[in-house]
């Protein structure tokens, strides 16, 4: 079996930065809202019940990372997901979390069944 080459520190740093972008709940919320297509900033502000400044800050981070793209129409800015792989990544994480929760539930059920007499 071939051993994997150690990753250079620069690559590790880039991977860590990418994951740090996804570590913010508001960014995940925005990505979920953009899952079904492009939205303008005001639609995202309304859907998240937060300030335009907060939404814009998070959109900018994801735009700079290449996760989102932006277009302007008049005075409105529209954002869409540029990298659909982001949803596959989120689905993998959600599936893994669901498996862990199901396993914990099985363990709790077995404890409660043994405790009843």
Protein backbone atom coordinates (compact mmCIF):
# COMPACT_ATOMS: atom_id res chain seq x y z
CA UNK A 1 0.00 0.00 0.00
CA UNK A 2 1.37 3.39 -1.01
CA UNK A 3 1.76 5.95 1.77
CA UNK A 4 0.27 9.36 1.21
CA UNK A 5 2.76 12.17 0.91
CA UNK A 6 2.61 14.69 3.75
CA UNK A 7 0.84 17.86 2.70
CA UNK A 8 2.90 21.04 2.56
CA UNK A 9 2.09 23.61 5.26
CA UNK A 10 0.72 26.04 2.63
CA UNK A 11 -1.81 23.45 1.46
CA UNK A 12 -2.83 22.62 5.02
CA UNK A 13 -3.33 26.34 5.67
CA UNK A 14 -5.59 26.70 2.61
CA UNK A 15 -7.66 23.66 3.60
CA UNK A 16 -8.02 25.00 7.16
CA UNK A 17 -9.13 28.39 5.83
CA UNK A 18 -11.72 26.74 3.57
CA UNK A 19 -13.17 24.77 6.47
CA UNK A 20 -13.11 27.86 8.69
CA UNK A 21 -15.41 29.57 6.19
CA UNK A 22 -17.94 26.80 6.76
CA UNK A 23 -17.59 26.94 10.55
CA UNK A 24 -19.88 29.98 10.81
CA UNK A 25 -23.60 29.13 11.23
CA UNK A 26 -24.76 32.27 9.38
CA UNK A 27 -22.71 31.28 6.33
CA UNK A 28 -24.27 27.82 6.34
CA UNK A 29 -27.69 29.45 6.61
CA UNK A 30 -26.92 31.69 3.62
CA UNK A 31 -25.64 28.73 1.60
CA UNK A 32 -28.82 26.83 2.38
CA UNK A 33 -30.90 29.80 1.19
CA UNK A 34 -28.87 29.93 -2.03
CA UNK A 35 -29.25 26.18 -2.61
CA UNK A 36 -32.21 26.65 -4.93
CA UNK A 37 -30.74 29.55 -6.89
CA UNK A 38 -29.59 33.13 -7.00
CA UNK A 39 -30.93 35.68 -4.50
CA UNK A 40 -30.41 39.37 -3.95
CA UNK A 41 -28.94 40.65 -0.71
CA UNK A 42 -32.28 42.01 0.50
CA UNK A 43 -33.94 38.60 0.09
CA UNK A 44 -31.16 37.08 2.20
CA UNK A 45 -31.48 39.82 4.82
CA UNK A 46 -35.24 39.23 5.06
CA UNK A 47 -34.83 35.44 5.25
CA UNK A 48 -32.18 35.58 7.98
CA UNK A 49 -33.71 38.38 10.07
CA UNK A 50 -30.31 39.99 10.51
CA UNK A 51 -28.72 43.21 9.34
CA UNK A 52 -27.63 43.90 5.80
CA UNK A 53 -24.12 44.61 7.10
CA UNK A 54 -23.94 41.16 8.70
CA UNK A 55 -25.23 39.37 5.59
CA UNK A 56 -22.90 41.35 3.32
CA UNK A 57 -19.90 40.56 5.54
CA UNK A 58 -20.53 36.81 5.28
CA UNK A 59 -21.29 36.95 1.55
CA UNK A 60 -18.01 38.77 0.95
CA UNK A 61 -16.01 36.06 2.74
CA UNK A 62 -17.63 33.32 0.65
CA UNK A 63 -17.22 35.38 -2.53
CA UNK A 64 -13.49 35.83 -1.87
CA UNK A 65 -13.15 32.07 -1.26
CA UNK A 66 -14.72 31.31 -4.64
CA UNK A 67 -17.75 29.59 -3.11
CA UNK A 68 -20.14 32.29 -4.36
CA UNK A 69 -20.30 34.54 -7.39
CA UNK A 70 -21.92 37.96 -7.59
CA UNK A 71 -23.61 40.03 -10.24
CA UNK A 72 -25.15 43.47 -10.01
CA UNK A 73 -28.35 44.65 -11.57
CA UNK A 74 -29.04 48.31 -11.02
CA UNK A 75 -28.47 48.94 -7.33
CA UNK A 76 -29.01 45.30 -6.31
CA UNK A 77 -26.35 42.63 -5.84
CA UNK A 78 -27.27 39.02 -6.58
CA UNK A 79 -25.35 36.06 -5.22
CA UNK A 80 -25.32 32.44 -6.30
CA UNK A 81 -23.31 29.36 -5.40
CA UNK A 82 -20.36 29.07 -7.75
CA UNK A 83 -19.06 25.79 -6.36
CA UNK A 84 -21.88 23.20 -6.08
CA UNK A 85 -19.40 20.79 -4.47
CA UNK A 86 -20.05 22.74 -1.28
CA UNK A 87 -23.46 21.03 -1.01
CA UNK A 88 -21.92 17.56 -1.39
CA UNK A 89 -19.52 18.41 1.40
CA UNK A 90 -22.36 19.64 3.63
CA UNK A 91 -24.41 16.52 2.81
CA UNK A 92 -21.50 14.26 3.81
CA UNK A 93 -21.18 16.05 7.15
CA UNK A 94 -24.95 15.97 7.78
CA UNK A 95 -25.10 12.25 6.93
CA UNK A 96 -22.23 11.52 9.31
CA UNK A 97 -23.88 13.52 12.10
CA UNK A 98 -27.18 11.71 11.51
CA UNK A 99 -25.40 8.33 11.79
CA UNK A 100 -23.84 9.37 15.09
CA UNK A 101 -27.16 10.58 16.47
CA UNK A 102 -28.87 7.33 15.41
CA UNK A 103 -26.13 5.30 17.10
CA UNK A 104 -26.51 7.34 20.30
CA UNK A 105 -30.27 6.80 20.17
CA UNK A 106 -29.74 3.03 19.86
CA UNK A 107 -27.42 3.11 22.87
CA UNK A 108 -29.95 5.07 24.94
CA UNK A 109 -32.76 2.70 23.94
CA UNK A 110 -30.72 -0.33 24.95
CA UNK A 111 -29.96 1.29 28.32
CA UNK A 112 -33.59 2.13 28.98
CA UNK A 113 -34.78 -1.36 27.97
CA UNK A 114 -32.31 -3.04 30.33
CA UNK A 115 -33.31 -0.74 33.14
CA UNK A 116 -37.01 -1.73 33.02
CA UNK A 117 -38.11 -4.82 34.93
